[in-house]
Amino acid sequence: MEQTTLGIGTRLQHTQYGPGVIVGIRYATYLISFINQGIKEIDKTDDKLDDIIPENVSAEIETTSEVEKSLLKIFASLGWDH
Protein backbone atom coordinates (compact mmCIF):
# COMPACT_ATOMS: atom_id res chain seq x y z
CA MET A 1 0.00 0.00 0.00
CA GLU A 2 1.30 3.47 -0.77
CA GLN A 3 2.50 5.65 2.09
CA THR A 4 -0.52 7.92 2.39
CA THR A 5 -2.16 8.62 5.72
CA LEU A 6 -5.61 7.13 5.36
CA GLY A 7 -8.45 8.34 7.54
CA ILE A 8 -10.71 6.69 10.05
CA GLY A 9 -13.43 4.74 8.29
CA THR A 10 -11.17 3.54 5.47
CA ARG A 11 -11.93 -0.08 4.65
CA LEU A 12 -8.87 -2.25 4.14
CA GLN A 13 -7.88 -5.77 3.27
CA HIS A 14 -4.95 -7.41 5.08
CA THR A 15 -3.53 -10.64 3.67
CA GLN A 16 -3.20 -12.17 7.16
CA TYR A 17 -6.16 -10.67 9.08
CA GLY A 18 -8.73 -10.18 6.29
CA PRO A 19 -11.08 -7.21 5.91
CA GLY A 20 -11.05 -4.37 8.40
CA VAL A 21 -11.79 -0.70 9.06
CA ILE A 22 -9.42 1.94 10.43
CA VAL A 23 -10.71 3.02 13.84
CA GLY A 24 -7.68 4.97 15.04
CA ILE A 25 -4.53 6.62 13.76
CA ARG A 26 -1.20 7.00 15.50
CA TYR A 27 2.05 8.48 14.28
CA ALA A 28 3.36 5.35 12.52
CA THR A 29 0.46 2.91 12.86
CA TYR A 30 -3.23 2.39 12.22
CA LEU A 31 -5.62 0.82 14.70
CA ILE A 32 -7.72 -1.47 12.53
CA SER A 33 -10.81 -3.36 13.59
CA PHE A 34 -10.80 -6.66 11.70
CA ILE A 35 -14.05 -8.57 11.37
CA ASN A 36 -12.70 -11.88 12.70
CA GLN A 37 -9.54 -10.77 14.51
CA GLY A 38 -10.57 -7.77 16.63
CA ILE A 39 -8.53 -4.57 16.82
CA LYS A 40 -4.89 -4.78 15.74
CA GLU A 41 -2.21 -2.10 15.56
CA ILE A 42 -0.67 -2.26 12.08
CA ASP A 43 2.31 -0.30 10.76
CA LYS A 44 1.32 2.24 8.10
CA THR A 45 3.96 0.82 5.76
CA ASP A 46 2.80 -2.81 6.10
CA ASP A 47 2.89 -4.27 2.59
CA LYS A 48 0.11 -6.73 3.51
CA LEU A 49 -2.45 -3.87 3.55
CA ASP A 50 -4.54 -2.85 0.56
CA ASP A 51 -7.00 0.04 0.82
CA ILE A 52 -10.44 -0.73 -0.56
CA ILE A 53 -12.35 2.51 -0.06
CA PRO A 54 -10.25 5.38 1.33
CA GLU A 55 -12.22 7.96 3.30
CA ASN A 56 -11.11 11.07 5.14
CA VAL A 57 -7.58 10.97 3.69
CA SER A 58 -5.53 13.16 5.99
CA ALA A 59 -2.02 13.84 7.21
CA GLU A 60 -3.32 14.63 10.69
CA ILE A 61 -3.90 12.43 13.70
CA GLU A 62 -7.60 11.85 14.38
CA THR A 63 -9.20 12.68 17.71
CA THR A 64 -11.41 10.48 19.86
CA SER A 65 -14.57 12.40 18.94
CA GLU A 66 -13.78 11.85 15.25
CA VAL A 67 -13.32 8.14 15.98
CA GLU A 68 -16.73 8.01 17.64
CA LYS A 69 -18.38 9.80 14.71
CA SER A 70 -16.74 7.44 12.24
CA LEU A 71 -17.80 4.35 14.17
CA LEU A 72 -21.38 5.59 14.35
CA LYS A 73 -21.29 6.18 10.58
CA ILE A 74 -19.97 2.66 10.00
CA PHE A 75 -22.58 1.10 12.29
CA ALA A 76 -25.36 3.06 10.59
CA SER A 77 -24.18 1.89 7.17
CA LEU A 78 -24.36 -1.70 8.47
CA GLY A 79 -27.93 -1.14 9.64
CA TRP A 80 -27.08 -1.34 13.34
CA ASP A 81 -29.27 0.90 15.48
CA HIS A 82 -28.16 2.21 18.85
PDB file of N, CA and C in Angstrom:
ATOM      1  N   MET A   1       0.855  -1.176   0.000  1.00  0.00           N
ATOM      2  CA  MET A   1       0.000   0.000   0.000  1.00  0.00           C
ATOM      3  C   MET A   1       0.897   1.234   0.000  1.00  0.00           C
ATOM      4  N   GLU A   2       0.493   2.263  -0.719  1.00  0.00           N
ATOM      5  CA  GLU A   2       1.297   3.474  -0.771  1.00  0.00           C
ATOM      6  C   GLU A   2       1.310   4.170   0.577  1.00  0.00           C
ATOM      7  N   GLN A   3       2.307   5.021   0.799  1.00  0.00           N
ATOM      8  CA  GLN A   3       2.502   5.650   2.093  1.00  0.00           C
ATOM      9  C   GLN A   3       1.692   6.923   2.232  1.00  0.00           C
ATOM     10  N   THR A   4       0.400   6.824   2.156  1.00  0.00           N
ATOM     11  CA  THR A   4      -0.519   7.924   2.394  1.00  0.00           C
ATOM     12  C   THR A   4      -1.101   7.712   3.781  1.00  0.00           C
ATOM     13  N   THR A   5      -1.457   8.782   4.455  1.00  0.00           N
ATOM     14  CA  THR A   5      -2.155   8.620   5.717  1.00  0.00           C
ATOM     15  C   THR A   5      -3.642   8.532   5.415  1.00  0.00           C
ATOM     16  N   LEU A   6      -4.185   7.347   5.593  1.00  0.00           N
ATOM     17  CA  LEU A   6      -5.615   7.131   5.363  1.00  0.00           C
ATOM     18  C   LEU A   6      -6.376   7.539   6.607  1.00  0.00           C
ATOM     19  N   GLY A   7      -7.644   7.879   6.430  1.00  0.00           N
ATOM     20  CA  GLY A   7      -8.450   8.342   7.545  1.00  0.00           C
ATOM     21  C   GLY A   7      -9.267   7.251   8.195  1.00  0.00           C
ATOM     22  N   ILE A   8      -9.817   7.587   9.340  1.00  0.00           N
ATOM     23  CA  ILE A   8     -10.715   6.691  10.049  1.00  0.00           C
ATOM     24  C   ILE A   8     -11.917   6.407   9.156  1.00  0.00           C
ATOM     25  N   GLY A   9     -12.316   5.160   9.122  1.00  0.00           N
ATOM     26  CA  GLY A   9     -13.434   4.742   8.285  1.00  0.00           C
ATOM     27  C   GLY A   9     -12.981   4.097   6.986  1.00  0.00           C
ATOM     28  N   THR A  10     -11.673   4.167   6.683  1.00  0.00           N
ATOM     29  CA  THR A  10     -11.173   3.536   5.465  1.00  0.00           C
ATOM     30  C   THR A  10     -11.248   2.023   5.626  1.00  0.00           C
ATOM     31  N   ARG A  11     -11.849   1.376   4.650  1.00  0.00           N
ATOM     32  CA  ARG A  11     -11.932  -0.077   4.654  1.00  0.00           C
ATOM     33  C   ARG A  11     -10.696  -0.643   3.977  1.00  0.00           C
ATOM     34  N   LEU A  12     -10.112  -1.665   4.617  1.00  0.00           N
ATOM     35  CA  LEU A  12      -8.866  -2.247   4.145  1.00  0.00           C
ATOM     36  C   LEU A  12      -8.964  -3.760   4.050  1.00  0.00           C
ATOM     37  N   GLN A  13      -8.032  -4.322   3.325  1.00  0.00           N
ATOM     38  CA  GLN A  13      -7.876  -5.771   3.267  1.00  0.00           C
ATOM     39  C   GLN A  13      -6.444  -6.081   3.697  1.00  0.00           C
ATOM     40  N   HIS A  14      -6.269  -6.990   4.629  1.00  0.00           N
ATOM     41  CA  HIS A  14      -4.947  -7.410   5.080  1.00  0.00           C
ATOM     42  C   HIS A  14      -4.802  -8.885   4.728  1.00  0.00           C
ATOM     43  N   THR A  15      -3.677  -9.255   4.136  1.00  0.00           N
ATOM     44  CA  THR A  15      -3.533 -10.642   3.673  1.00  0.00           C
ATOM     45  C   THR A  15      -3.549 -11.647   4.816  1.00  0.00           C
ATOM     46  N   GLN A  16      -3.183 -11.249   6.027  1.00  0.00           N
ATOM     47  CA  GLN A  16      -3.201 -12.167   7.164  1.00  0.00           C
ATOM     48  C   GLN A  16      -4.500 -12.088   7.967  1.00  0.00           C
ATOM     49  N   TYR A  17      -5.019 -10.860   8.199  1.00  0.00           N
ATOM     50  CA  TYR A  17      -6.163 -10.668   9.084  1.00  0.00           C
ATOM     51  C   TYR A  17      -7.503 -10.529   8.369  1.00  0.00           C
ATOM     52  N   GLY A  18      -7.487 -10.327   7.057  1.00  0.00           N
ATOM     53  CA  GLY A  18      -8.727 -10.183   6.294  1.00  0.00           C
ATOM     54  C   GLY A  18      -9.216  -8.747   6.243  1.00  0.00           C
ATOM     55  N   PRO A  19     -10.538  -8.556   6.035  1.00  0.00           N
ATOM     56  CA  PRO A  19     -11.082  -7.208   5.908  1.00  0.00           C
ATOM     57  C   PRO A  19     -11.162  -6.487   7.251  1.00  0.00           C
ATOM     58  N   GLY A  20     -10.975  -5.160   7.180  1.00  0.00           N
ATOM     59  CA  GLY A  20     -11.047  -4.366   8.396  1.00  0.00           C
ATOM     60  C   GLY A  20     -11.322  -2.909   8.087  1.00  0.00           C
ATOM     61  N   VAL A  21     -11.500  -2.136   9.162  1.00  0.00           N
ATOM     62  CA  VAL A  21     -11.794  -0.702   9.062  1.00  0.00           C
ATOM     63  C   VAL A  21     -10.863   0.040  10.019  1.00  0.00           C
ATOM     64  N   ILE A  22     -10.266   1.125   9.549  1.00  0.00           N
ATOM     65  CA  ILE A  22      -9.417   1.936  10.427  1.00  0.00           C
ATOM     66  C   ILE A  22     -10.293   2.625  11.465  1.00  0.00           C
ATOM     67  N   VAL A  23      -9.952   2.406  12.751  1.00  0.00           N
ATOM     68  CA  VAL A  23     -10.707   3.024  13.836  1.00  0.00           C
ATOM     69  C   VAL A  23      -9.850   3.995  14.645  1.00  0.00           C
ATOM     70  N   GLY A  24      -8.554   4.042  14.343  1.00  0.00           N
ATOM     71  CA  GLY A  24      -7.675   4.967  15.038  1.00  0.00           C
ATOM     72  C   GLY A  24      -6.390   5.161  14.252  1.00  0.00           C
ATOM     73  N   ILE A  25      -5.763   6.304  14.469  1.00  0.00           N
ATOM     74  CA  ILE A  25      -4.526   6.616  13.760  1.00  0.00           C
ATOM     75  C   ILE A  25      -3.505   7.111  14.774  1.00  0.00           C
ATOM     76  N   ARG A  26      -2.315   6.542  14.687  1.00  0.00           N
ATOM     77  CA  ARG A  26      -1.200   6.999  15.503  1.00  0.00           C
ATOM     78  C   ARG A  26      -0.111   7.468  14.562  1.00  0.00           C
ATOM     79  N   TYR A  27       0.989   7.914  15.101  1.00  0.00           N
ATOM     80  CA  TYR A  27       2.053   8.483  14.276  1.00  0.00           C
ATOM     81  C   TYR A  27       2.512   7.533  13.171  1.00  0.00           C
ATOM     82  N   ALA A  28       2.823   6.296  13.508  1.00  0.00           N
ATOM     83  CA  ALA A  28       3.361   5.353  12.523  1.00  0.00           C
ATOM     84  C   ALA A  28       2.479   4.141  12.294  1.00  0.00           C
ATOM     85  N   THR A  29       1.327   4.090  12.967  1.00  0.00           N
ATOM     86  CA  THR A  29       0.462   2.907  12.865  1.00  0.00           C
ATOM     87  C   THR A  29      -1.001   3.285  12.709  1.00  0.00           C
ATOM     88  N   TYR A  30      -1.778   2.301  12.247  1.00  0.00           N
ATOM     89  CA  TYR A  30      -3.231   2.394  12.215  1.00  0.00           C
ATOM     90  C   TYR A  30      -3.782   1.405  13.234  1.00  0.00           C
ATOM     91  N   LEU A  31      -4.859   1.771  13.903  1.00  0.00           N
ATOM     92  CA  LEU A  31      -5.623   0.818  14.696  1.00  0.00           C
ATOM     93  C   LEU A  31      -6.751   0.354  13.789  1.00  0.00           C
ATOM     94  N   ILE A  32      -6.760  -0.933  13.486  1.00  0.00           N
ATOM     95  CA  ILE A  32      -7.721  -1.470  12.532  1.00  0.00           C
ATOM     96  C   ILE A  32      -8.571  -2.521  13.218  1.00  0.00           C
ATOM     97  N   SER A  33      -9.878  -2.377  13.069  1.00  0.00           N
ATOM     98  CA  SER A  33     -10.811  -3.363  13.591  1.00  0.00           C
ATOM     99  C   SER A  33     -11.089  -4.370  12.478  1.00  0.00           C
ATOM    100  N   PHE A  34     -10.591  -5.590  12.678  1.00  0.00           N
ATOM    101  CA  PHE A  34     -10.800  -6.656  11.705  1.00  0.00           C
ATOM    102  C   PHE A  34     -12.022  -7.469  12.098  1.00  0.00           C
ATOM    103  N   ILE A  35     -12.793  -7.874  11.125  1.00  0.00           N
ATOM    104  CA  ILE A  35     -14.052  -8.574  11.370  1.00  0.00           C
ATOM    105  C   ILE A  35     -13.865  -9.801  12.255  1.00  0.00           C
ATOM    106  N   ASN A  36     -12.888 -10.634  11.956  1.00  0.00           N
ATOM    107  CA  ASN A  36     -12.705 -11.881  12.704  1.00  0.00           C
ATOM    108  C   ASN A  36     -11.525 -11.876  13.659  1.00  0.00           C
ATOM    109  N   GLN A  37     -10.760 -10.794  13.703  1.00  0.00           N
ATOM    110  CA  GLN A  37      -9.539 -10.766  14.505  1.00  0.00           C
ATOM    111  C   GLN A  37      -9.532  -9.707  15.606  1.00  0.00           C
ATOM    112  N   GLY A  38     -10.560  -8.842  15.640  1.00  0.00           N
ATOM    113  CA  GLY A  38     -10.572  -7.772  16.625  1.00  0.00           C
ATOM    114  C   GLY A  38      -9.697  -6.607  16.182  1.00  0.00           C
ATOM    115  N   ILE A  39      -9.324  -5.758  17.136  1.00  0.00           N
ATOM    116  CA  ILE A  39      -8.526  -4.570  16.821  1.00  0.00           C
ATOM    117  C   ILE A  39      -7.042  -4.920  16.892  1.00  0.00           C
ATOM    118  N   LYS A  40      -6.334  -4.560  15.833  1.00  0.00           N
ATOM    119  CA  LYS A  40      -4.886  -4.783  15.745  1.00  0.00           C
ATOM    120  C   LYS A  40      -4.217  -3.459  15.406  1.00  0.00           C
ATOM    121  N   GLU A  41      -3.008  -3.269  15.916  1.00  0.00           N
ATOM    122  CA  GLU A  41      -2.214  -2.095  15.565  1.00  0.00           C
ATOM    123  C   GLU A  41      -1.258  -2.512  14.445  1.00  0.00           C
ATOM    124  N   ILE A  42      -1.407  -1.874  13.278  1.00  0.00           N
ATOM    125  CA  ILE A  42      -0.670  -2.261  12.082  1.00  0.00           C
ATOM    126  C   ILE A  42       0.167  -1.073  11.603  1.00  0.00           C
ATOM    127  N   ASP A  43       1.415  -1.339  11.276  1.00  0.00           N
ATOM    128  CA  ASP A  43       2.310  -0.305  10.759  1.00  0.00           C
ATOM    129  C   ASP A  43       1.749   0.277   9.462  1.00  0.00           C
ATOM    130  N   LYS A  44       1.841   1.579   9.304  1.00  0.00           N
ATOM    131  CA  LYS A  44       1.316   2.242   8.096  1.00  0.00           C
ATOM    132  C   LYS A  44       2.009   1.773   6.829  1.00  0.00           C
ATOM    133  N   THR A  45       3.220   1.269   6.945  1.00  0.00           N
ATOM    134  CA  THR A  45       3.959   0.824   5.764  1.00  0.00           C
ATOM    135  C   THR A  45       3.831  -0.677   5.516  1.00  0.00           C
ATOM    136  N   ASP A  46       2.981  -1.364   6.253  1.00  0.00           N
ATOM    137  CA  ASP A  46       2.803  -2.815   6.102  1.00  0.00           C
ATOM    138  C   ASP A  46       2.388  -3.143   4.669  1.00  0.00           C
ATOM    139  N   ASP A  47       3.191  -3.947   3.990  1.00  0.00           N
ATOM    140  CA  ASP A  47       2.886  -4.265   2.593  1.00  0.00           C
ATOM    141  C   ASP A  47       1.785  -5.305   2.440  1.00  0.00           C
ATOM    142  N   LYS A  48       1.229  -5.783   3.560  1.00  0.00           N
ATOM    143  CA  LYS A  48       0.107  -6.726   3.509  1.00  0.00           C
ATOM    144  C   LYS A  48      -1.242  -6.012   3.508  1.00  0.00           C
ATOM    145  N   LEU A  49      -1.217  -4.671   3.549  1.00  0.00           N
ATOM    146  CA  LEU A  49      -2.446  -3.874   3.553  1.00  0.00           C
ATOM    147  C   LEU A  49      -2.769  -3.367   2.153  1.00  0.00           C
ATOM    148  N   ASP A  50      -4.044  -3.444   1.798  1.00  0.00           N
ATOM    149  CA  ASP A  50      -4.542  -2.854   0.561  1.00  0.00           C
ATOM    150  C   ASP A  50      -5.778  -2.054   0.909  1.00  0.00           C
ATOM    151  N   ASP A  51      -5.806  -0.752   0.538  1.00  0.00           N
ATOM    152  CA  ASP A  51      -7.001   0.035   0.818  1.00  0.00           C
ATOM    153  C   ASP A  51      -8.080  -0.322  -0.196  1.00  0.00           C
ATOM    154  N   ILE A  52      -9.293  -0.415   0.289  1.00  0.00           N
ATOM    155  CA  ILE A  52     -10.440  -0.732  -0.559  1.00  0.00           C
ATOM    156  C   ILE A  52     -11.189   0.549  -0.890  1.00  0.00           C
ATOM    157  N   ILE A  53     -11.625   1.260   0.133  1.00  0.00           N
ATOM    158  CA  ILE A  53     -12.355   2.513  -0.062  1.00  0.00           C
ATOM    159  C   ILE A  53     -11.775   3.549   0.897  1.00  0.00           C
ATOM    160  N   PRO A  54     -10.812   4.362   0.424  1.00  0.00           N
ATOM    161  CA  PRO A  54     -10.254   5.378   1.327  1.00  0.00           C
ATOM    162  C   PRO A  54     -11.264   6.476   1.623  1.00  0.00           C
ATOM    163  N   GLU A  55     -11.352   6.854   2.875  1.00  0.00           N
ATOM    164  CA  GLU A  55     -12.219   7.957   3.295  1.00  0.00           C
ATOM    165  C   GLU A  55     -11.419   8.857   4.222  1.00  0.00           C
ATOM    166  N   ASN A  56     -11.722  10.114   4.217  1.00  0.00           N
ATOM    167  CA  ASN A  56     -11.108  11.073   5.135  1.00  0.00           C
ATOM    168  C   ASN A  56      -9.590  11.051   5.047  1.00  0.00           C
ATOM    169  N   VAL A  57      -9.027  10.996   3.848  1.00  0.00           N
ATOM    170  CA  VAL A  57      -7.579  10.966   3.692  1.00  0.00           C
ATOM    171  C   VAL A  57      -6.993  12.226   4.310  1.00  0.00           C
ATOM    172  N   SER A  58      -6.030  12.041   5.208  1.00  0.00           N
ATOM    173  CA  SER A  58      -5.532  13.158   5.989  1.00  0.00           C
ATOM    174  C   SER A  58      -4.102  12.902   6.441  1.00  0.00           C
ATOM    175  N   ALA A  59      -3.369  13.955   6.649  1.00  0.00           N
ATOM    176  CA  ALA A  59      -2.021  13.836   7.208  1.00  0.00           C
ATOM    177  C   ALA A  59      -2.043  14.057   8.717  1.00  0.00           C
ATOM    178  N   GLU A  60      -3.207  14.309   9.278  1.00  0.00           N
ATOM    179  CA  GLU A  60      -3.315  14.625  10.689  1.00  0.00           C
ATOM    180  C   GLU A  60      -3.749  13.416  11.498  1.00  0.00           C
ATOM    181  N   ILE A  61      -3.450  13.460  12.780  1.00  0.00           N
ATOM    182  CA  ILE A  61      -3.898  12.427  13.703  1.00  0.00           C
ATOM    183  C   ILE A  61      -5.362  12.721  14.066  1.00  0.00           C
ATOM    184  N   GLU A  62      -6.182  11.678  14.078  1.00  0.00           N
ATOM    185  CA  GLU A  62      -7.600  11.848  14.381  1.00  0.00           C
ATOM    186  C   GLU A  62      -7.820  11.920  15.894  1.00  0.00           C
ATOM    187  N   THR A  63      -8.875  12.577  16.297  1.00  0.00           N
ATOM    188  CA  THR A  63      -9.201  12.681  17.709  1.00  0.00           C
ATOM    189  C   THR A  63     -10.247  11.638  18.080  1.00  0.00           C
ATOM    190  N   THR A  64     -10.450  11.457  19.386  1.00  0.00           N
ATOM    191  CA  THR A  64     -11.410  10.477  19.863  1.00  0.00           C
ATOM    192  C   THR A  64     -12.818  10.792  19.369  1.00  0.00           C
ATOM    193  N   SER A  65     -13.219  12.060  19.381  1.00  0.00           N
ATOM    194  CA  SER A  65     -14.571  12.404  18.935  1.00  0.00           C
ATOM    195  C   SER A  65     -14.743  12.060  17.456  1.00  0.00           C
ATOM    196  N   GLU A  66     -13.691  12.223  16.661  1.00  0.00           N
ATOM    197  CA  GLU A  66     -13.778  11.849  15.250  1.00  0.00           C
ATOM    198  C   GLU A  66     -13.875  10.335  15.101  1.00  0.00           C
ATOM    199  N   VAL A  67     -13.219   9.596  15.986  1.00  0.00           N
ATOM    200  CA  VAL A  67     -13.317   8.141  15.985  1.00  0.00           C
ATOM    201  C   VAL A  67     -14.753   7.726  16.265  1.00  0.00           C
ATOM    202  N   GLU A  68     -15.355   8.334  17.275  1.00  0.00           N
ATOM    203  CA  GLU A  68     -16.731   8.006  17.637  1.00  0.00           C
ATOM    204  C   GLU A  68     -17.691   8.303  16.489  1.00  0.00           C
ATOM    205  N   LYS A  69     -17.522   9.452  15.836  1.00  0.00           N
ATOM    206  CA  LYS A  69     -18.383   9.801  14.705  1.00  0.00           C
ATOM    207  C   LYS A  69     -18.230   8.788  13.576  1.00  0.00           C
ATOM    208  N   SER A  70     -16.992   8.396  13.309  1.00  0.00           N
ATOM    209  CA  SER A  70     -16.741   7.440  12.238  1.00  0.00           C
ATOM    210  C   SER A  70     -17.346   6.077  12.547  1.00  0.00           C
ATOM    211  N   LEU A  71     -17.213   5.636  13.793  1.00  0.00           N
ATOM    212  CA  LEU A  71     -17.802   4.348  14.167  1.00  0.00           C
ATOM    213  C   LEU A  71     -19.321   4.375  14.049  1.00  0.00           C
ATOM    214  N   LEU A  72     -19.927   5.476  14.479  1.00  0.00           N
ATOM    215  CA  LEU A  72     -21.384   5.590  14.349  1.00  0.00           C
ATOM    216  C   LEU A  72     -21.796   5.552  12.883  1.00  0.00           C
ATOM    217  N   LYS A  73     -21.020   6.202  12.023  1.00  0.00           N
ATOM    218  CA  LYS A  73     -21.295   6.184  10.585  1.00  0.00           C
ATOM    219  C   LYS A  73     -21.191   4.763  10.025  1.00  0.00           C
ATOM    220  N   ILE A  74     -20.162   4.042  10.457  1.00  0.00           N
ATOM    221  CA  ILE A  74     -19.974   2.659  10.003  1.00  0.00           C
ATOM    222  C   ILE A  74     -21.129   1.788  10.475  1.00  0.00           C
ATOM    223  N   PHE A  75     -21.484   1.897  11.758  1.00  0.00           N
ATOM    224  CA  PHE A  75     -22.584   1.100  12.286  1.00  0.00           C
ATOM    225  C   PHE A  75     -23.893   1.402  11.573  1.00  0.00           C
ATOM    226  N   ALA A  76     -24.141   2.678  11.304  1.00  0.00           N
ATOM    227  CA  ALA A  76     -25.362   3.058  10.590  1.00  0.00           C
ATOM    228  C   ALA A  76     -25.390   2.454   9.200  1.00  0.00           C
ATOM    229  N   SER A  77     -24.226   2.447   8.524  1.00  0.00           N
ATOM    230  CA  SER A  77     -24.179   1.886   7.173  1.00  0.00           C
ATOM    231  C   SER A  77     -24.411   0.370   7.180  1.00  0.00           C
ATOM    232  N   LEU A  78     -24.127  -0.266   8.326  1.00  0.00           N
ATOM    233  CA  LEU A  78     -24.365  -1.705   8.469  1.00  0.00           C
ATOM    234  C   LEU A  78     -25.791  -2.003   8.920  1.00  0.00           C
ATOM    235  N   GLY A  79     -26.543  -0.958   9.214  1.00  0.00           N
ATOM    236  CA  GLY A  79     -27.927  -1.136   9.636  1.00  0.00           C
ATOM    237  C   GLY A  79     -28.070  -1.411  11.129  1.00  0.00           C
ATOM    238  N   TRP A  80     -27.021  -1.131  11.898  1.00  0.00           N
ATOM    239  CA  TRP A  80     -27.085  -1.344  13.340  1.00  0.00           C
ATOM    240  C   TRP A  80     -27.616  -0.106  14.008  1.00  0.00           C
ATOM    241  N   ASP A  81     -28.709  -0.235  14.743  1.00  0.00           N
ATOM    242  CA  ASP A  81     -29.273   0.899  15.484  1.00  0.00           C
ATOM    243  C   ASP A  81     -28.693   0.905  16.886  1.00  0.00           C
ATOM    244  N   HIS A  82     -28.674   2.085  17.477  1.00  0.00           N
ATOM    245  CA  HIS A  82     -28.160   2.205  18.850  1.00  0.00           C
ATOM    246  C   HIS A  82     -29.257   2.083  19.826  1.00  0.00           C
TER     247      HIS A  82
END
